[in-house]
Amino acid sequence: GRYLAALEAVQQELEALEEEAARAFRRLRARFRLRRRPHLRRRHRLIQHIPGFWVTTFLNHPQLSAAISDRDEDALSYMTSLQVEEFGQAWAGCRIRFGFGINPYFQNRVVAKEFVRGPSGHLVSHSTPIRWWAGQDPHFLA
């Protein structure tokens, strides 16, 4: 009984230490997130002056490029920005916002994809509905 009580006491001390570490890590992440903002804004402004930056980036990615059709490539050539926002205490999820210029495919200026942890712990995703221009919805193309 004495060893079990001692073991339980040590376990409680470890749990308290883990919680303290988690709080410190959250504070540190928040501090560095703030420090990164001006650099991310500067990078965003620079990227907007490079024609075709995002489509080229995606086409140069080994896994993404395999999934991009010629039609997708043209639509992605209108992409102007990409922003990732994490939310929740622990990594509960993130939202990816894809910015687009005026294009012949769809009306949306921003398309978002959100990933959140469901009750089971699995990732669940939600997307902005695409508002296709007439005759452009790929579900109805021959």
N, C-alpha and C. Protein backbone atom coordinates (compact mmCIF):
# COMPACT_ATOMS: atom_id res chain seq x y z
N GLY A 1 0.81 -1.20 0.00
CA GLY A 1 0.00 0.00 0.00
C GLY A 1 0.85 1.25 0.00
N ARG A 2 1.98 1.16 0.72
CA ARG A 2 2.85 2.34 0.85
C ARG A 2 3.43 2.72 -0.52
N TYR A 3 3.82 1.71 -1.33
CA TYR A 3 4.41 1.99 -2.64
C TYR A 3 3.37 2.53 -3.62
N LEU A 4 2.15 2.02 -3.53
CA LEU A 4 1.09 2.53 -4.40
C LEU A 4 0.78 3.99 -4.09
N ALA A 5 0.75 4.33 -2.80
CA ALA A 5 0.51 5.72 -2.40
C ALA A 5 1.64 6.62 -2.90
N ALA A 6 2.89 6.15 -2.78
CA ALA A 6 4.04 6.93 -3.24
C ALA A 6 4.00 7.08 -4.77
N LEU A 7 3.64 5.99 -5.45
CA LEU A 7 3.53 6.03 -6.91
C LEU A 7 2.46 7.02 -7.34
N GLU A 8 1.33 7.03 -6.66
CA GLU A 8 0.26 7.97 -6.98
C GLU A 8 0.71 9.40 -6.76
N ALA A 9 1.46 9.66 -5.70
CA ALA A 9 1.97 11.01 -5.41
C ALA A 9 2.92 11.46 -6.52
N VAL A 10 3.80 10.57 -6.96
CA VAL A 10 4.74 10.91 -8.03
C VAL A 10 3.98 11.18 -9.32
N GLN A 11 2.97 10.37 -9.60
CA GLN A 11 2.17 10.56 -10.81
C GLN A 11 1.47 11.92 -10.79
N GLN A 12 0.94 12.33 -9.66
CA GLN A 12 0.29 13.63 -9.55
C GLN A 12 1.29 14.76 -9.77
N GLU A 13 2.51 14.59 -9.25
CA GLU A 13 3.55 15.60 -9.47
C GLU A 13 3.90 15.69 -10.96
N LEU A 14 4.00 14.54 -11.63
CA LEU A 14 4.28 14.53 -13.05
C LEU A 14 3.16 15.20 -13.86
N GLU A 15 1.92 14.92 -13.50
CA GLU A 15 0.79 15.53 -14.20
C GLU A 15 0.78 17.04 -14.02
N ALA A 16 1.11 17.51 -12.81
CA ALA A 16 1.18 18.95 -12.56
C ALA A 16 2.30 19.57 -13.39
N LEU A 17 3.42 18.87 -13.48
CA LEU A 17 4.55 19.36 -14.27
C LEU A 17 4.20 19.39 -15.76
N GLU A 18 3.51 18.37 -16.25
CA GLU A 18 3.08 18.33 -17.65
C GLU A 18 2.13 19.49 -17.96
N GLU A 19 1.22 19.78 -17.04
CA GLU A 19 0.29 20.89 -17.25
C GLU A 19 1.04 22.22 -17.27
N GLU A 20 2.02 22.37 -16.39
CA GLU A 20 2.83 23.58 -16.36
C GLU A 20 3.60 23.73 -17.69
N ALA A 21 4.15 22.62 -18.19
CA ALA A 21 4.87 22.65 -19.46
C ALA A 21 3.93 23.01 -20.61
N ALA A 22 2.73 22.47 -20.58
CA ALA A 22 1.75 22.76 -21.64
C ALA A 22 1.39 24.25 -21.63
N ARG A 23 1.19 24.82 -20.45
CA ARG A 23 0.88 26.27 -20.36
C ARG A 23 2.04 27.09 -20.89
N ALA A 24 3.26 26.72 -20.51
CA ALA A 24 4.45 27.45 -20.97
C ALA A 24 4.58 27.36 -22.48
N PHE A 25 4.33 26.18 -23.03
CA PHE A 25 4.41 25.99 -24.47
C PHE A 25 3.37 26.84 -25.20
N ARG A 26 2.14 26.90 -24.67
CA ARG A 26 1.10 27.73 -25.29
C ARG A 26 1.50 29.20 -25.28
N ARG A 27 2.08 29.66 -24.15
CA ARG A 27 2.52 31.06 -24.07
C ARG A 27 3.64 31.33 -25.08
N LEU A 28 4.58 30.39 -25.18
CA LEU A 28 5.69 30.54 -26.11
C LEU A 28 5.20 30.56 -27.56
N ARG A 29 4.29 29.66 -27.90
CA ARG A 29 3.73 29.64 -29.25
C ARG A 29 3.03 30.94 -29.58
N ALA A 30 2.26 31.45 -28.62
CA ALA A 30 1.54 32.71 -28.84
C ALA A 30 2.53 33.85 -29.05
N ARG A 31 3.59 33.88 -28.27
CA ARG A 31 4.59 34.93 -28.39
C ARG A 31 5.27 34.88 -29.77
N PHE A 32 5.64 33.70 -30.22
CA PHE A 32 6.29 33.58 -31.51
C PHE A 32 5.32 33.79 -32.66
N ARG A 33 4.06 33.47 -32.47
CA ARG A 33 3.05 33.74 -33.50
C ARG A 33 2.98 35.25 -33.74
N LEU A 34 3.02 36.02 -32.66
CA LEU A 34 3.01 37.48 -32.79
C LEU A 34 4.27 37.98 -33.48
N ARG A 35 5.41 37.39 -33.17
CA ARG A 35 6.68 37.81 -33.77
C ARG A 35 6.73 37.45 -35.26
N ARG A 36 6.04 36.41 -35.67
CA ARG A 36 6.04 35.99 -37.07
C ARG A 36 5.16 36.87 -37.95
N ARG A 37 4.14 37.51 -37.37
CA ARG A 37 3.16 38.25 -38.17
C ARG A 37 3.76 39.25 -39.14
N PRO A 38 4.66 40.14 -38.69
CA PRO A 38 5.18 41.12 -39.67
C PRO A 38 5.93 40.46 -40.82
N HIS A 39 6.63 39.37 -40.55
CA HIS A 39 7.35 38.65 -41.61
C HIS A 39 6.37 38.00 -42.58
N LEU A 40 5.31 37.42 -42.05
CA LEU A 40 4.30 36.79 -42.90
C LEU A 40 3.60 37.84 -43.77
N ARG A 41 3.31 39.01 -43.19
CA ARG A 41 2.68 40.08 -43.98
C ARG A 41 3.61 40.54 -45.10
N ARG A 42 4.89 40.69 -44.78
CA ARG A 42 5.87 41.12 -45.78
C ARG A 42 5.99 40.08 -46.89
N ARG A 43 6.06 38.80 -46.51
CA ARG A 43 6.14 37.73 -47.49
C ARG A 43 4.90 37.75 -48.39
N HIS A 44 3.72 37.93 -47.77
CA HIS A 44 2.47 37.97 -48.52
C HIS A 44 2.50 39.09 -49.57
N ARG A 45 2.96 40.27 -49.18
CA ARG A 45 3.03 41.39 -50.12
C ARG A 45 3.99 41.08 -51.27
N LEU A 46 5.12 40.47 -50.97
CA LEU A 46 6.09 40.13 -52.01
C LEU A 46 5.53 39.09 -52.98
N ILE A 47 4.89 38.07 -52.44
CA ILE A 47 4.33 37.00 -53.29
C ILE A 47 3.31 37.54 -54.27
N GLN A 48 2.54 38.54 -53.84
CA GLN A 48 1.51 39.08 -54.73
C GLN A 48 2.08 39.73 -55.99
N HIS A 49 3.37 40.05 -55.98
CA HIS A 49 4.01 40.65 -57.14
C HIS A 49 4.71 39.62 -58.04
N ILE A 50 4.58 38.34 -57.69
CA ILE A 50 5.21 37.28 -58.49
C ILE A 50 4.10 36.53 -59.23
N PRO A 51 3.97 36.78 -60.53
CA PRO A 51 2.89 36.12 -61.30
C PRO A 51 3.02 34.59 -61.23
N GLY A 52 1.88 33.93 -61.00
CA GLY A 52 1.84 32.48 -61.00
C GLY A 52 2.56 31.81 -59.84
N PHE A 53 2.83 32.56 -58.78
CA PHE A 53 3.58 31.99 -57.66
C PHE A 53 2.93 30.73 -57.09
N TRP A 54 1.62 30.81 -56.77
CA TRP A 54 0.98 29.68 -56.10
C TRP A 54 0.81 28.48 -57.01
N VAL A 55 0.43 28.68 -58.25
CA VAL A 55 0.28 27.54 -59.14
C VAL A 55 1.63 26.86 -59.36
N THR A 56 2.69 27.65 -59.48
CA THR A 56 4.04 27.08 -59.64
C THR A 56 4.45 26.31 -58.40
N THR A 57 4.14 26.86 -57.23
CA THR A 57 4.45 26.19 -55.97
C THR A 57 3.75 24.84 -55.90
N PHE A 58 2.47 24.81 -56.21
CA PHE A 58 1.71 23.55 -56.16
C PHE A 58 2.23 22.55 -57.18
N LEU A 59 2.56 23.04 -58.38
CA LEU A 59 3.04 22.13 -59.43
C LEU A 59 4.43 21.57 -59.10
N ASN A 60 5.17 22.26 -58.28
CA ASN A 60 6.50 21.78 -57.88
C ASN A 60 6.46 20.88 -56.65
N HIS A 61 5.29 20.71 -56.06
CA HIS A 61 5.14 19.83 -54.90
C HIS A 61 4.85 18.42 -55.41
N PRO A 62 5.66 17.42 -55.03
CA PRO A 62 5.51 16.07 -55.61
C PRO A 62 4.12 15.45 -55.43
N GLN A 63 3.52 15.58 -54.25
CA GLN A 63 2.21 14.96 -54.04
C GLN A 63 1.09 15.80 -54.66
N LEU A 64 1.15 17.11 -54.51
CA LEU A 64 0.08 17.95 -55.04
C LEU A 64 0.06 17.93 -56.57
N SER A 65 1.23 17.98 -57.18
CA SER A 65 1.28 18.07 -58.64
C SER A 65 0.60 16.88 -59.31
N ALA A 66 0.67 15.72 -58.67
CA ALA A 66 0.06 14.52 -59.25
C ALA A 66 -1.47 14.63 -59.29
N ALA A 67 -2.03 15.47 -58.45
CA ALA A 67 -3.49 15.58 -58.37
C ALA A 67 -4.04 16.78 -59.14
N ILE A 68 -3.17 17.56 -59.78
CA ILE A 68 -3.62 18.78 -60.47
C ILE A 68 -3.77 18.52 -61.96
N SER A 69 -5.01 18.69 -62.44
CA SER A 69 -5.29 18.53 -63.87
C SER A 69 -4.92 19.83 -64.60
N ASP A 70 -4.95 19.79 -65.92
CA ASP A 70 -4.67 21.00 -66.71
C ASP A 70 -5.69 22.09 -66.38
N ARG A 71 -6.95 21.69 -66.21
CA ARG A 71 -8.01 22.65 -65.88
C ARG A 71 -7.76 23.25 -64.49
N ASP A 72 -7.38 22.40 -63.53
CA ASP A 72 -7.04 22.88 -62.18
C ASP A 72 -5.88 23.87 -62.26
N GLU A 73 -4.89 23.52 -63.07
CA GLU A 73 -3.71 24.38 -63.20
C GLU A 73 -4.11 25.77 -63.66
N ASP A 74 -4.99 25.83 -64.65
CA ASP A 74 -5.42 27.15 -65.13
C ASP A 74 -6.19 27.90 -64.04
N ALA A 75 -7.09 27.20 -63.35
CA ALA A 75 -7.85 27.86 -62.26
C ALA A 75 -6.90 28.34 -61.16
N LEU A 76 -5.90 27.52 -60.83
CA LEU A 76 -4.94 27.91 -59.79
C LEU A 76 -4.06 29.08 -60.22
N SER A 77 -3.96 29.33 -61.52
CA SER A 77 -3.16 30.47 -61.97
C SER A 77 -3.78 31.79 -61.53
N TYR A 78 -5.05 31.77 -61.11
CA TYR A 78 -5.73 32.97 -60.62
C TYR A 78 -5.59 33.14 -59.10
N MET A 79 -4.94 32.19 -58.45
CA MET A 79 -4.78 32.24 -57.00
C MET A 79 -3.80 33.34 -56.62
N THR A 80 -4.19 34.16 -55.64
CA THR A 80 -3.37 35.31 -55.24
C THR A 80 -2.83 35.21 -53.82
N SER A 81 -3.43 34.36 -52.99
CA SER A 81 -2.95 34.28 -51.60
C SER A 81 -3.34 32.96 -50.97
N LEU A 82 -2.62 32.63 -49.90
CA LEU A 82 -2.90 31.45 -49.10
C LEU A 82 -2.59 31.81 -47.65
N GLN A 83 -3.57 31.63 -46.79
CA GLN A 83 -3.38 31.92 -45.37
C GLN A 83 -3.82 30.72 -44.55
N VAL A 84 -3.04 30.39 -43.52
CA VAL A 84 -3.37 29.29 -42.63
C VAL A 84 -3.56 29.87 -41.24
N GLU A 85 -4.68 29.53 -40.62
CA GLU A 85 -5.00 29.99 -39.27
C GLU A 85 -5.26 28.76 -38.40
N GLU A 86 -4.48 28.62 -37.34
CA GLU A 86 -4.70 27.53 -36.39
C GLU A 86 -5.63 28.05 -35.30
N PHE A 87 -6.43 27.16 -34.74
CA PHE A 87 -7.28 27.59 -33.63
C PHE A 87 -7.43 26.48 -32.61
N GLY A 88 -7.87 26.89 -31.44
CA GLY A 88 -8.04 25.96 -30.32
C GLY A 88 -6.83 25.96 -29.42
N GLN A 89 -7.00 25.52 -28.18
CA GLN A 89 -5.90 25.48 -27.21
C GLN A 89 -4.80 24.54 -27.68
N ALA A 90 -5.09 23.27 -27.69
CA ALA A 90 -4.19 22.34 -28.35
C ALA A 90 -4.56 22.45 -29.81
N TRP A 91 -3.86 21.79 -30.70
CA TRP A 91 -4.20 21.94 -32.12
C TRP A 91 -5.57 21.31 -32.34
N ALA A 92 -6.61 22.15 -32.24
CA ALA A 92 -7.97 21.67 -32.45
C ALA A 92 -8.32 21.68 -33.92
N GLY A 93 -7.63 22.51 -34.69
CA GLY A 93 -7.92 22.58 -36.11
C GLY A 93 -7.25 23.74 -36.78
N CYS A 94 -7.54 23.89 -38.06
CA CYS A 94 -7.00 25.02 -38.80
C CYS A 94 -7.94 25.35 -39.95
N ARG A 95 -7.76 26.57 -40.45
CA ARG A 95 -8.53 27.04 -41.59
C ARG A 95 -7.51 27.51 -42.63
N ILE A 96 -7.67 27.03 -43.85
CA ILE A 96 -6.80 27.45 -44.94
C ILE A 96 -7.66 28.29 -45.88
N ARG A 97 -7.23 29.51 -46.13
CA ARG A 97 -7.96 30.42 -47.02
C ARG A 97 -7.16 30.60 -48.31
N PHE A 98 -7.81 30.29 -49.42
CA PHE A 98 -7.21 30.45 -50.73
C PHE A 98 -7.84 31.68 -51.37
N GLY A 99 -7.04 32.70 -51.66
CA GLY A 99 -7.55 33.92 -52.29
C GLY A 99 -7.39 33.82 -53.81
N PHE A 100 -8.39 34.31 -54.53
CA PHE A 100 -8.37 34.26 -55.99
C PHE A 100 -8.74 35.61 -56.58
N GLY A 101 -8.14 35.91 -57.71
CA GLY A 101 -8.55 37.06 -58.49
C GLY A 101 -9.78 36.70 -59.31
N ILE A 102 -10.29 37.67 -60.02
CA ILE A 102 -11.43 37.42 -60.91
C ILE A 102 -10.98 36.39 -61.94
N ASN A 103 -11.83 35.39 -62.15
CA ASN A 103 -11.45 34.30 -63.05
C ASN A 103 -12.68 33.77 -63.78
N PRO A 104 -12.46 33.00 -64.84
CA PRO A 104 -13.60 32.51 -65.64
C PRO A 104 -14.26 31.25 -65.08
N TYR A 105 -13.78 30.75 -63.92
CA TYR A 105 -14.27 29.49 -63.39
C TYR A 105 -15.32 29.64 -62.29
N PHE A 106 -15.04 30.49 -61.31
CA PHE A 106 -15.98 30.63 -60.19
C PHE A 106 -15.96 32.06 -59.66
N GLN A 107 -17.01 32.37 -58.91
CA GLN A 107 -17.22 33.73 -58.44
C GLN A 107 -16.50 34.03 -57.12
N ASN A 108 -16.23 33.00 -56.32
CA ASN A 108 -15.63 33.20 -55.00
C ASN A 108 -14.30 33.95 -55.12
N ARG A 109 -14.09 34.92 -54.25
CA ARG A 109 -12.77 35.56 -54.14
C ARG A 109 -11.92 34.83 -53.10
N VAL A 110 -12.61 34.15 -52.15
CA VAL A 110 -11.92 33.36 -51.13
C VAL A 110 -12.62 32.01 -51.03
N VAL A 111 -11.82 30.96 -51.03
CA VAL A 111 -12.31 29.61 -50.80
C VAL A 111 -11.59 29.11 -49.55
N ALA A 112 -12.35 28.64 -48.56
CA ALA A 112 -11.73 28.19 -47.31
C ALA A 112 -11.97 26.70 -47.11
N LYS A 113 -10.99 26.07 -46.52
CA LYS A 113 -11.07 24.66 -46.13
C LYS A 113 -10.72 24.63 -44.66
N GLU A 114 -11.62 24.07 -43.86
CA GLU A 114 -11.43 24.04 -42.41
C GLU A 114 -11.33 22.60 -41.94
N PHE A 115 -10.35 22.36 -41.09
CA PHE A 115 -10.16 21.04 -40.49
C PHE A 115 -10.33 21.17 -38.99
N VAL A 116 -11.21 20.35 -38.41
CA VAL A 116 -11.41 20.36 -36.95
C VAL A 116 -11.42 18.92 -36.45
N ARG A 117 -11.08 18.77 -35.21
CA ARG A 117 -11.14 17.44 -34.59
C ARG A 117 -12.58 17.19 -34.17
N GLY A 118 -13.14 16.09 -34.65
CA GLY A 118 -14.48 15.70 -34.27
C GLY A 118 -14.48 15.06 -32.89
N PRO A 119 -15.65 14.69 -32.36
CA PRO A 119 -15.75 14.09 -31.03
C PRO A 119 -14.91 12.80 -30.90
N SER A 120 -14.73 12.10 -32.01
CA SER A 120 -13.96 10.85 -31.97
C SER A 120 -12.46 11.11 -32.04
N GLY A 121 -12.06 12.37 -32.26
CA GLY A 121 -10.64 12.69 -32.39
C GLY A 121 -10.16 12.69 -33.83
N HIS A 122 -11.01 12.25 -34.76
CA HIS A 122 -10.63 12.25 -36.17
C HIS A 122 -10.82 13.64 -36.77
N LEU A 123 -10.05 13.94 -37.79
CA LEU A 123 -10.20 15.23 -38.47
C LEU A 123 -11.44 15.21 -39.36
N VAL A 124 -12.20 16.29 -39.27
CA VAL A 124 -13.37 16.49 -40.11
C VAL A 124 -13.11 17.77 -40.88
N SER A 125 -13.47 17.80 -42.16
CA SER A 125 -13.23 19.01 -42.94
C SER A 125 -14.53 19.58 -43.49
N HIS A 126 -14.50 20.89 -43.65
CA HIS A 126 -15.62 21.64 -44.24
C HIS A 126 -15.01 22.61 -45.24
N SER A 127 -15.71 22.83 -46.36
CA SER A 127 -15.21 23.73 -47.39
C SER A 127 -16.26 24.75 -47.76
N THR A 128 -15.77 25.89 -48.25
CA THR A 128 -16.66 26.90 -48.81
C THR A 128 -17.31 26.33 -50.06
N PRO A 129 -18.62 26.45 -50.20
CA PRO A 129 -19.25 26.02 -51.46
C PRO A 129 -18.73 26.88 -52.62
N ILE A 130 -18.38 26.26 -53.70
CA ILE A 130 -17.88 27.00 -54.87
C ILE A 130 -19.09 27.52 -55.66
N ARG A 131 -19.05 28.80 -55.98
CA ARG A 131 -20.10 29.42 -56.80
C ARG A 131 -19.56 29.48 -58.25
N TRP A 132 -19.83 28.42 -59.00
CA TRP A 132 -19.31 28.28 -60.35
C TRP A 132 -20.01 29.25 -61.29
N TRP A 133 -19.25 29.76 -62.25
CA TRP A 133 -19.86 30.50 -63.35
C TRP A 133 -20.61 29.49 -64.22
N ALA A 134 -21.60 29.93 -64.94
CA ALA A 134 -22.41 29.04 -65.80
C ALA A 134 -21.51 28.23 -66.72
N GLY A 135 -21.74 26.91 -66.73
CA GLY A 135 -21.00 26.02 -67.61
C GLY A 135 -19.62 25.63 -67.12
N GLN A 136 -19.25 26.01 -65.89
CA GLN A 136 -17.90 25.74 -65.40
C GLN A 136 -17.84 24.66 -64.31
N ASP A 137 -18.96 24.29 -63.74
CA ASP A 137 -18.96 23.29 -62.68
C ASP A 137 -18.44 21.96 -63.23
N PRO A 138 -17.29 21.47 -62.71
CA PRO A 138 -16.71 20.24 -63.26
C PRO A 138 -17.60 19.00 -63.09
N HIS A 139 -18.56 19.06 -62.16
CA HIS A 139 -19.48 17.94 -61.99
C HIS A 139 -20.42 17.78 -63.17
N PHE A 140 -20.56 18.86 -63.96
CA PHE A 140 -21.50 18.82 -65.09
C PHE A 140 -20.79 18.95 -66.43
N LEU A 141 -19.47 18.89 -66.42
CA LEU A 141 -18.72 18.98 -67.69
C LEU A 141 -18.58 17.58 -68.28
N ALA A 142 -18.57 17.53 -69.59
CA ALA A 142 -18.43 16.23 -70.28
C ALA A 142 -17.00 15.73 -70.20
